[in-house]
N, C-alpha and C. Protein backbone atom coordinates (compact mmCIF):
# COMPACT_ATOMS: atom_id res chain seq x y z
N UNK A 1 59.12 142.82 90.30
CA UNK A 1 60.41 142.34 89.85
C UNK A 1 60.65 141.01 90.43
N UNK A 2 61.26 140.07 89.56
CA UNK A 2 61.51 138.69 90.02
C UNK A 2 62.80 138.60 90.73
N UNK A 3 62.76 137.97 92.00
CA UNK A 3 63.99 137.79 92.76
C UNK A 3 64.71 136.55 92.18
N UNK A 4 66.02 136.62 92.15
CA UNK A 4 66.74 135.41 91.79
C UNK A 4 66.56 134.25 92.80
N UNK A 5 66.74 133.07 92.28
CA UNK A 5 66.59 131.90 93.25
C UNK A 5 67.66 131.93 94.27
N UNK A 6 67.26 131.75 95.50
CA UNK A 6 68.19 131.91 96.60
C UNK A 6 69.19 130.70 96.84
N UNK A 7 68.77 129.59 96.25
CA UNK A 7 69.50 128.41 96.50
C UNK A 7 70.51 128.15 95.32
N UNK A 8 71.77 127.84 95.69
CA UNK A 8 72.73 127.49 94.62
C UNK A 8 72.36 126.18 93.93
N UNK A 9 72.64 126.02 92.71
CA UNK A 9 72.36 124.73 91.99
C UNK A 9 73.18 123.57 92.66
N UNK A 10 72.55 122.45 92.70
CA UNK A 10 73.22 121.29 93.33
C UNK A 10 74.43 121.03 92.61
N UNK A 11 75.52 120.76 93.39
CA UNK A 11 76.86 120.34 92.81
C UNK A 11 76.65 118.98 92.23
N UNK A 12 77.52 118.76 91.18
CA UNK A 12 77.45 117.38 90.52
C UNK A 12 78.21 116.45 91.42
N UNK A 13 77.49 115.48 92.08
CA UNK A 13 78.04 114.52 93.08
C UNK A 13 78.67 113.39 92.35
N UNK A 14 79.96 113.13 92.72
CA UNK A 14 80.68 111.99 92.14
C UNK A 14 81.28 111.14 93.21
N UNK A 15 80.54 110.15 93.63
CA UNK A 15 81.02 109.30 94.74
C UNK A 15 82.36 108.62 94.48
N UNK A 16 82.51 108.18 93.25
CA UNK A 16 83.71 107.49 92.88
C UNK A 16 84.96 108.41 93.12
N UNK A 17 84.84 109.65 92.60
CA UNK A 17 85.93 110.60 92.70
C UNK A 17 86.13 110.86 94.20
N UNK A 18 85.13 111.01 95.01
CA UNK A 18 85.33 111.21 96.45
C UNK A 18 86.12 110.04 97.04
N UNK A 19 85.64 108.86 96.82
CA UNK A 19 86.27 107.65 97.32
C UNK A 19 87.67 107.41 96.73
N UNK A 20 88.00 108.00 95.62
CA UNK A 20 89.38 107.78 95.16
C UNK A 20 90.39 108.71 95.94
N UNK A 21 89.83 109.78 96.53
CA UNK A 21 90.79 110.69 97.22
C UNK A 21 90.77 110.40 98.75
N UNK A 22 89.58 110.00 99.25
CA UNK A 22 89.49 109.73 100.69
C UNK A 22 89.51 108.24 100.93
N UNK A 23 90.44 107.74 101.85
CA UNK A 23 90.59 106.38 102.09
C UNK A 23 90.38 106.07 103.60
N UNK A 24 89.67 105.06 103.90
CA UNK A 24 89.46 104.65 105.34
C UNK A 24 90.72 103.75 105.70
N UNK A 25 91.34 104.19 106.85
CA UNK A 25 92.42 103.34 107.34
C UNK A 25 92.21 103.19 108.76
N UNK A 26 91.53 102.11 109.17
CA UNK A 26 91.11 101.87 110.66
C UNK A 26 92.38 101.59 111.53
N UNK A 27 92.34 102.22 112.65
CA UNK A 27 93.52 102.08 113.57
C UNK A 27 93.70 100.66 114.08
N UNK A 28 92.55 99.96 114.24
CA UNK A 28 92.73 98.62 114.88
C UNK A 28 93.58 97.68 113.94
N UNK A 29 93.51 97.88 112.69
CA UNK A 29 94.29 97.06 111.80
C UNK A 29 95.79 97.60 111.69
N UNK A 30 95.81 98.91 111.68
CA UNK A 30 97.12 99.51 111.43
C UNK A 30 98.00 99.39 112.60
N UNK A 31 97.41 99.39 113.81
CA UNK A 31 98.29 99.32 115.03
C UNK A 31 98.85 97.90 115.37
N UNK A 32 98.42 96.94 114.63
CA UNK A 32 98.88 95.57 114.87
C UNK A 32 100.26 95.29 114.36
N UNK A 33 100.73 96.06 113.49
CA UNK A 33 102.09 95.75 112.85
C UNK A 33 103.21 96.31 113.66
N UNK A 34 103.02 96.86 114.83
CA UNK A 34 104.13 97.40 115.57
C UNK A 34 103.98 98.92 115.50
N UNK A 35 104.83 99.57 116.41
CA UNK A 35 104.60 101.05 116.58
C UNK A 35 104.80 101.91 115.37
N UNK A 36 105.51 101.40 114.43
CA UNK A 36 105.75 102.23 113.26
C UNK A 36 104.96 101.83 112.07
N UNK A 37 104.20 100.77 112.17
CA UNK A 37 103.31 100.28 111.05
C UNK A 37 102.38 101.42 110.60
N UNK A 38 101.68 102.06 111.52
CA UNK A 38 100.77 103.02 111.09
C UNK A 38 101.31 104.12 110.26
N UNK A 39 102.39 104.85 110.79
CA UNK A 39 102.95 105.99 109.89
C UNK A 39 103.53 105.43 108.67
N UNK A 40 104.12 104.28 108.66
CA UNK A 40 104.63 103.74 107.41
C UNK A 40 103.51 103.48 106.34
N UNK A 41 102.43 102.92 106.82
CA UNK A 41 101.25 102.65 105.96
C UNK A 41 100.75 103.96 105.37
N UNK A 42 100.67 105.03 106.25
CA UNK A 42 100.19 106.32 105.76
C UNK A 42 101.21 106.87 104.69
N UNK A 43 102.45 106.70 104.91
CA UNK A 43 103.51 107.18 103.99
C UNK A 43 103.38 106.38 102.62
N UNK A 44 103.24 105.07 102.77
CA UNK A 44 103.16 104.23 101.63
C UNK A 44 101.90 104.54 100.82
N UNK A 45 100.84 105.01 101.43
CA UNK A 45 99.58 105.33 100.78
C UNK A 45 99.66 106.69 100.11
N UNK A 46 100.76 107.35 100.29
CA UNK A 46 101.11 108.66 99.65
C UNK A 46 99.94 109.68 100.05
N UNK A 47 99.51 109.45 101.23
CA UNK A 47 98.53 110.57 101.78
C UNK A 47 99.21 111.80 102.15
N UNK A 48 98.56 112.91 101.88
CA UNK A 48 99.10 114.18 102.27
C UNK A 48 98.56 114.75 103.54
N UNK A 49 97.39 114.04 103.99
CA UNK A 49 96.82 114.47 105.26
C UNK A 49 95.98 113.31 105.85
N UNK A 50 95.93 113.27 107.15
CA UNK A 50 95.17 112.26 107.90
C UNK A 50 94.09 113.14 108.66
N UNK A 51 92.88 112.62 108.64
CA UNK A 51 91.75 113.07 109.47
C UNK A 51 91.57 112.02 110.55
N UNK A 52 91.97 112.19 111.75
CA UNK A 52 91.85 111.27 112.87
C UNK A 52 90.67 111.52 113.73
N UNK A 53 89.69 110.56 113.74
CA UNK A 53 88.50 110.76 114.52
C UNK A 53 88.68 110.01 115.85
N UNK A 54 89.69 109.16 116.05
CA UNK A 54 89.92 108.37 117.18
C UNK A 54 91.15 109.01 117.86
N UNK A 55 91.19 108.79 119.17
CA UNK A 55 92.42 109.19 119.85
C UNK A 55 93.63 108.46 119.24
N UNK A 56 94.45 109.09 118.55
CA UNK A 56 95.52 108.47 117.86
C UNK A 56 96.60 107.88 118.69
N UNK A 57 96.45 107.99 120.00
CA UNK A 57 97.39 107.30 120.95
C UNK A 57 96.84 105.98 121.35
N UNK A 58 95.70 105.54 120.81
CA UNK A 58 95.03 104.33 121.13
C UNK A 58 94.76 103.59 119.78
N UNK A 59 94.62 102.31 119.77
CA UNK A 59 94.84 101.40 120.77
C UNK A 59 96.41 101.09 120.86
N UNK A 60 96.86 100.74 121.97
CA UNK A 60 98.26 100.39 122.16
C UNK A 60 98.47 99.00 121.62
N UNK A 61 99.56 98.72 121.05
CA UNK A 61 99.76 97.33 120.53
C UNK A 61 100.31 96.52 121.76
N UNK A 62 100.64 95.26 121.52
CA UNK A 62 100.98 94.26 122.49
C UNK A 62 102.20 94.75 123.37
N UNK A 63 103.14 95.48 122.82
CA UNK A 63 104.26 95.90 123.58
C UNK A 63 104.12 97.23 124.28
N UNK A 64 102.87 97.81 124.14
CA UNK A 64 102.58 99.08 124.92
C UNK A 64 103.04 100.30 124.22
N UNK A 65 103.60 100.19 122.99
CA UNK A 65 104.01 101.38 122.22
C UNK A 65 102.82 101.93 121.46
N UNK A 66 102.99 103.16 121.09
CA UNK A 66 101.85 103.84 120.43
C UNK A 66 101.90 103.51 118.92
N UNK A 67 100.77 103.28 118.25
CA UNK A 67 100.83 103.00 116.89
C UNK A 67 100.99 104.21 115.95
N UNK A 68 100.89 105.37 116.47
CA UNK A 68 101.04 106.56 115.65
C UNK A 68 102.05 107.41 116.32
N UNK A 69 103.03 107.98 115.44
CA UNK A 69 103.96 108.83 115.86
C UNK A 69 103.80 110.15 115.16
N UNK A 70 103.18 111.20 115.83
CA UNK A 70 102.83 112.43 115.18
C UNK A 70 104.09 113.10 114.49
N UNK A 71 105.18 113.07 115.23
CA UNK A 71 106.33 113.74 114.69
C UNK A 71 106.86 113.02 113.36
N UNK A 72 106.73 111.70 113.35
CA UNK A 72 107.18 110.97 112.12
C UNK A 72 106.33 111.36 111.00
N UNK A 73 105.08 111.53 111.16
CA UNK A 73 104.18 111.98 110.07
C UNK A 73 104.55 113.36 109.53
N UNK A 74 104.98 114.22 110.51
CA UNK A 74 105.44 115.54 110.06
C UNK A 74 106.60 115.53 109.13
N UNK A 75 107.53 114.59 109.44
CA UNK A 75 108.72 114.45 108.58
C UNK A 75 108.32 113.99 107.18
N UNK A 76 107.33 113.25 107.14
CA UNK A 76 106.87 112.74 105.79
C UNK A 76 105.94 113.76 105.08
N UNK A 77 105.87 114.93 105.60
CA UNK A 77 105.01 116.00 104.96
C UNK A 77 103.55 115.57 105.00
N UNK A 78 103.05 115.00 106.03
CA UNK A 78 101.70 114.60 106.23
C UNK A 78 101.12 115.46 107.28
N UNK A 79 99.99 116.08 106.87
CA UNK A 79 99.31 117.01 107.86
C UNK A 79 98.31 116.18 108.62
N UNK A 80 98.39 116.22 109.94
CA UNK A 80 97.47 115.52 110.82
C UNK A 80 96.45 116.43 111.37
N UNK A 81 95.13 116.09 111.10
CA UNK A 81 93.98 116.80 111.67
C UNK A 81 93.39 115.91 112.80
N UNK A 82 93.64 116.26 114.03
CA UNK A 82 93.26 115.49 115.09
C UNK A 82 91.88 115.85 115.68
N UNK A 83 90.86 115.06 115.39
CA UNK A 83 89.48 115.36 115.78
C UNK A 83 88.97 114.28 116.66
N UNK A 84 89.66 114.00 117.75
CA UNK A 84 89.26 112.84 118.63
C UNK A 84 87.79 113.06 119.15
N UNK A 85 86.98 112.09 118.75
CA UNK A 85 85.62 112.05 119.26
C UNK A 85 85.48 110.72 119.99
N UNK A 86 85.23 110.87 121.30
CA UNK A 86 85.15 109.61 122.14
C UNK A 86 83.96 108.75 121.70
N UNK A 87 84.09 107.48 121.95
CA UNK A 87 83.04 106.53 121.61
C UNK A 87 81.72 106.97 122.27
N UNK A 88 80.66 107.00 121.44
CA UNK A 88 79.38 107.41 121.95
C UNK A 88 79.24 108.94 121.98
N UNK A 89 80.16 109.73 121.52
CA UNK A 89 80.14 111.15 121.64
C UNK A 89 79.83 111.88 120.38
N UNK A 90 79.61 111.24 119.24
CA UNK A 90 79.40 111.87 117.99
C UNK A 90 78.17 112.82 117.98
N UNK A 91 77.22 112.58 118.76
CA UNK A 91 76.00 113.51 118.65
C UNK A 91 75.98 114.49 119.77
N UNK A 92 77.02 114.66 120.60
CA UNK A 92 77.12 115.67 121.53
C UNK A 92 77.59 116.98 120.84
N UNK A 93 77.43 118.04 121.45
CA UNK A 93 77.86 119.39 120.84
C UNK A 93 79.27 119.34 120.35
N UNK A 94 80.12 118.79 121.24
CA UNK A 94 81.60 118.64 120.95
C UNK A 94 81.84 117.69 119.65
N UNK A 95 81.12 116.58 119.67
CA UNK A 95 81.28 115.62 118.63
C UNK A 95 80.73 116.17 117.27
N UNK A 96 79.63 116.78 117.35
CA UNK A 96 79.00 117.36 116.09
C UNK A 96 80.00 118.45 115.51
N UNK A 97 80.55 119.28 116.33
CA UNK A 97 81.50 120.33 115.95
C UNK A 97 82.74 119.64 115.21
N UNK A 98 83.22 118.62 115.75
CA UNK A 98 84.33 117.89 115.22
C UNK A 98 83.95 117.23 113.85
N UNK A 99 82.78 116.52 113.80
CA UNK A 99 82.36 115.91 112.60
C UNK A 99 82.15 117.01 111.44
N UNK A 100 81.53 118.06 111.80
CA UNK A 100 81.33 119.10 110.81
C UNK A 100 82.68 119.68 110.26
N UNK A 101 83.64 119.82 111.15
CA UNK A 101 84.98 120.39 110.69
C UNK A 101 85.69 119.30 109.87
N UNK A 102 85.63 118.00 110.27
CA UNK A 102 86.29 116.93 109.60
C UNK A 102 85.64 116.81 108.17
N UNK A 103 84.39 117.00 108.02
CA UNK A 103 83.68 116.88 106.78
C UNK A 103 84.17 118.09 105.84
N UNK A 104 84.39 119.17 106.49
CA UNK A 104 84.90 120.37 105.66
C UNK A 104 86.30 120.20 105.12
N UNK A 105 87.08 119.55 105.91
CA UNK A 105 88.49 119.24 105.45
C UNK A 105 88.43 118.15 104.40
N UNK A 106 87.60 117.09 104.60
CA UNK A 106 87.50 116.05 103.61
C UNK A 106 86.89 116.50 102.27
N UNK A 107 85.86 117.30 102.33
CA UNK A 107 85.33 117.83 101.12
C UNK A 107 86.29 118.73 100.34
N UNK A 108 87.09 119.54 101.06
CA UNK A 108 88.10 120.31 100.52
C UNK A 108 89.20 119.43 99.81
N UNK A 109 89.54 118.35 100.55
CA UNK A 109 90.52 117.40 99.90
C UNK A 109 90.07 116.81 98.58
N UNK A 110 88.82 116.52 98.52
CA UNK A 110 88.22 116.01 97.21
C UNK A 110 88.24 116.99 96.16
N UNK A 111 87.87 118.23 96.55
CA UNK A 111 87.83 119.34 95.52
C UNK A 111 89.16 119.76 95.05
N UNK A 112 90.21 119.55 95.94
CA UNK A 112 91.55 119.98 95.58
C UNK A 112 92.46 118.72 95.20
N UNK A 113 91.77 117.52 95.21
CA UNK A 113 92.45 116.19 94.87
C UNK A 113 93.72 115.99 95.75
N UNK A 114 93.48 116.15 97.06
CA UNK A 114 94.55 115.90 98.03
C UNK A 114 94.35 114.48 98.65
N UNK A 115 95.21 113.49 98.43
CA UNK A 115 95.01 112.17 98.95
C UNK A 115 94.96 112.19 100.50
N UNK A 116 93.83 111.68 101.06
CA UNK A 116 93.60 111.90 102.50
C UNK A 116 93.13 110.50 103.13
N UNK A 117 93.71 110.20 104.28
CA UNK A 117 93.20 108.99 105.02
C UNK A 117 92.33 109.48 106.12
N UNK A 118 91.21 108.82 106.37
CA UNK A 118 90.37 109.10 107.52
C UNK A 118 90.46 107.89 108.41
N UNK A 119 90.84 108.08 109.62
CA UNK A 119 91.02 107.01 110.60
C UNK A 119 90.08 107.13 111.80
N UNK A 120 89.76 105.93 112.24
CA UNK A 120 88.94 105.75 113.38
C UNK A 120 89.30 104.42 113.97
N UNK A 121 88.69 103.99 114.96
CA UNK A 121 89.05 102.69 115.60
C UNK A 121 88.85 101.58 114.60
N UNK A 122 87.63 101.34 114.09
CA UNK A 122 87.35 100.35 113.22
C UNK A 122 86.96 100.81 111.78
N UNK A 123 86.83 102.16 111.69
CA UNK A 123 86.59 102.75 110.38
C UNK A 123 85.14 102.64 109.98
N UNK A 124 84.18 102.59 110.99
CA UNK A 124 82.84 102.39 110.62
C UNK A 124 82.03 103.59 111.09
N UNK A 125 81.55 103.62 112.31
CA UNK A 125 80.46 104.58 112.69
C UNK A 125 80.97 105.99 112.59
N UNK A 126 82.05 106.39 113.36
CA UNK A 126 82.48 107.80 113.28
C UNK A 126 82.90 108.15 111.87
N UNK A 127 83.64 107.26 111.22
CA UNK A 127 84.00 107.53 109.86
C UNK A 127 82.81 107.68 108.90
N UNK A 128 81.85 106.78 109.05
CA UNK A 128 80.65 106.88 108.22
C UNK A 128 79.91 108.20 108.41
N UNK A 129 79.84 108.67 109.69
CA UNK A 129 79.20 109.89 110.00
C UNK A 129 79.87 111.07 109.33
N UNK A 130 81.20 111.11 109.39
CA UNK A 130 81.90 112.16 108.80
C UNK A 130 81.81 112.11 107.25
N UNK A 131 81.85 110.87 106.67
CA UNK A 131 81.66 110.72 105.27
C UNK A 131 80.22 111.15 104.81
N UNK A 132 79.21 110.83 105.53
CA UNK A 132 77.88 111.26 105.15
C UNK A 132 77.88 112.80 105.04
N UNK A 133 78.45 113.50 106.01
CA UNK A 133 78.44 114.98 105.90
C UNK A 133 79.38 115.54 104.73
N UNK A 134 80.42 114.77 104.56
CA UNK A 134 81.31 115.08 103.34
C UNK A 134 80.58 114.89 102.03
N UNK A 135 79.95 113.81 101.95
CA UNK A 135 79.20 113.55 100.68
C UNK A 135 78.13 114.59 100.35
N UNK A 136 77.48 114.96 101.51
CA UNK A 136 76.38 116.04 101.34
C UNK A 136 77.06 117.37 100.91
N UNK A 137 78.22 117.68 101.47
CA UNK A 137 78.94 118.89 101.09
C UNK A 137 79.30 118.90 99.53
N UNK A 138 79.49 117.62 99.09
CA UNK A 138 79.94 117.43 97.70
C UNK A 138 78.84 117.30 96.71
N UNK A 139 77.55 117.50 97.26
CA UNK A 139 76.44 117.52 96.38
C UNK A 139 75.52 116.31 96.50
N UNK A 140 75.79 115.37 97.32
CA UNK A 140 74.96 114.16 97.43
C UNK A 140 73.56 114.45 98.05
N UNK A 141 72.55 113.84 97.61
CA UNK A 141 71.31 113.91 98.29
C UNK A 141 71.37 113.20 99.63
N UNK A 142 70.41 113.43 100.46
CA UNK A 142 70.32 112.73 101.70
C UNK A 142 70.37 111.21 101.45
N UNK A 143 69.57 110.75 100.45
CA UNK A 143 69.45 109.37 100.16
C UNK A 143 70.79 108.83 99.77
N UNK A 144 71.44 109.49 98.91
CA UNK A 144 72.82 109.05 98.37
C UNK A 144 73.80 108.93 99.49
N UNK A 145 73.78 109.96 100.35
CA UNK A 145 74.79 109.95 101.46
C UNK A 145 74.45 108.88 102.50
N UNK A 146 73.23 108.64 102.61
CA UNK A 146 72.74 107.57 103.73
C UNK A 146 73.22 106.26 103.39
N UNK A 147 73.70 105.99 102.10
CA UNK A 147 74.12 104.68 101.66
C UNK A 147 75.56 104.46 102.02
N UNK A 148 76.12 105.34 102.85
CA UNK A 148 77.59 105.20 103.18
C UNK A 148 77.81 103.94 103.96
N UNK A 149 78.79 103.16 103.55
CA UNK A 149 79.12 101.91 104.30
C UNK A 149 79.34 102.17 105.75
N UNK A 150 78.73 101.38 106.67
CA UNK A 150 78.89 101.43 108.10
C UNK A 150 77.99 102.43 108.75
N UNK A 151 77.23 103.19 108.00
CA UNK A 151 76.28 104.10 108.65
C UNK A 151 74.96 103.46 109.00
N UNK A 152 74.68 103.37 110.30
CA UNK A 152 73.45 102.74 110.72
C UNK A 152 72.25 103.59 110.18
N UNK A 153 71.29 102.89 109.64
CA UNK A 153 70.16 103.59 109.05
C UNK A 153 69.42 104.50 110.03
N UNK A 154 69.44 104.13 111.28
CA UNK A 154 68.82 104.85 112.32
C UNK A 154 69.44 106.23 112.52
N UNK A 155 70.62 106.46 112.09
CA UNK A 155 71.42 107.68 112.29
C UNK A 155 71.33 108.67 111.11
N UNK A 156 70.80 108.17 110.00
CA UNK A 156 70.78 109.00 108.77
C UNK A 156 69.96 110.34 109.04
N UNK A 157 68.86 110.20 109.64
CA UNK A 157 67.94 111.41 109.90
C UNK A 157 68.70 112.37 110.82
N UNK A 158 69.35 111.83 111.86
CA UNK A 158 70.11 112.75 112.73
C UNK A 158 71.19 113.50 112.02
N UNK A 159 71.90 112.81 111.13
CA UNK A 159 72.90 113.40 110.29
C UNK A 159 72.35 114.47 109.34
N UNK A 160 71.17 114.19 108.85
CA UNK A 160 70.50 115.09 107.91
C UNK A 160 70.27 116.37 108.64
N UNK A 161 69.69 116.31 109.95
CA UNK A 161 69.47 117.47 110.72
C UNK A 161 70.72 118.26 110.98
N UNK A 162 71.83 117.55 111.28
CA UNK A 162 73.23 118.19 111.55
C UNK A 162 73.61 118.91 110.27
N UNK A 163 73.49 118.27 109.13
CA UNK A 163 73.85 118.91 107.83
C UNK A 163 73.05 120.16 107.63
N UNK A 164 71.73 120.05 107.78
CA UNK A 164 70.92 121.26 107.55
C UNK A 164 71.14 122.41 108.51
N UNK A 165 71.40 122.15 109.88
CA UNK A 165 71.65 123.09 110.83
C UNK A 165 72.99 123.72 110.81
N UNK A 166 74.03 122.89 110.58
CA UNK A 166 75.39 123.32 110.72
C UNK A 166 76.17 123.61 109.41
N UNK A 167 75.67 123.03 108.22
CA UNK A 167 76.42 123.14 107.04
C UNK A 167 75.57 123.86 105.98
N UNK A 168 74.33 123.43 105.70
CA UNK A 168 73.61 123.96 104.56
C UNK A 168 73.15 125.42 104.80
N UNK A 169 72.96 125.76 106.03
CA UNK A 169 72.52 127.15 106.36
C UNK A 169 73.63 128.16 106.37
N UNK A 170 74.86 127.69 106.28
CA UNK A 170 76.04 128.64 106.40
C UNK A 170 76.30 129.23 105.01
């Protein structure tokens, strides 16, 4: 008797659709406009959720006030997912766990068409790592996901291993 194929068919990957739902909003730029600039920018972007990979209490602007006010976002009906990953910590057990969870939320946002901002300090390395895993969840091949802006080529293989170990096998 023939056993059915154990792998699910590849999802139809649509990078444009993913990028129309998920938007990079780097903290370094948003914190410059004063303490309320960040939450106002999030509200104006009509985001329904924020996936924060940076400590959202940093960086402080010139007057020492915080660029993000968590309570203000709550009033605007914006759900904050706080996944602070310290600089250089993405490939630690703690960092991998947060990247995997962030990619789950981001992929769900694309599938449900929920406008979502992803924030990090500069919006490059940690953001690119989370987006690589997100694109893979959405059906991208390793090669397609490895073309994520800001993703160092040297990290693509490490992320492929993380995807295979923590996401694809589940």
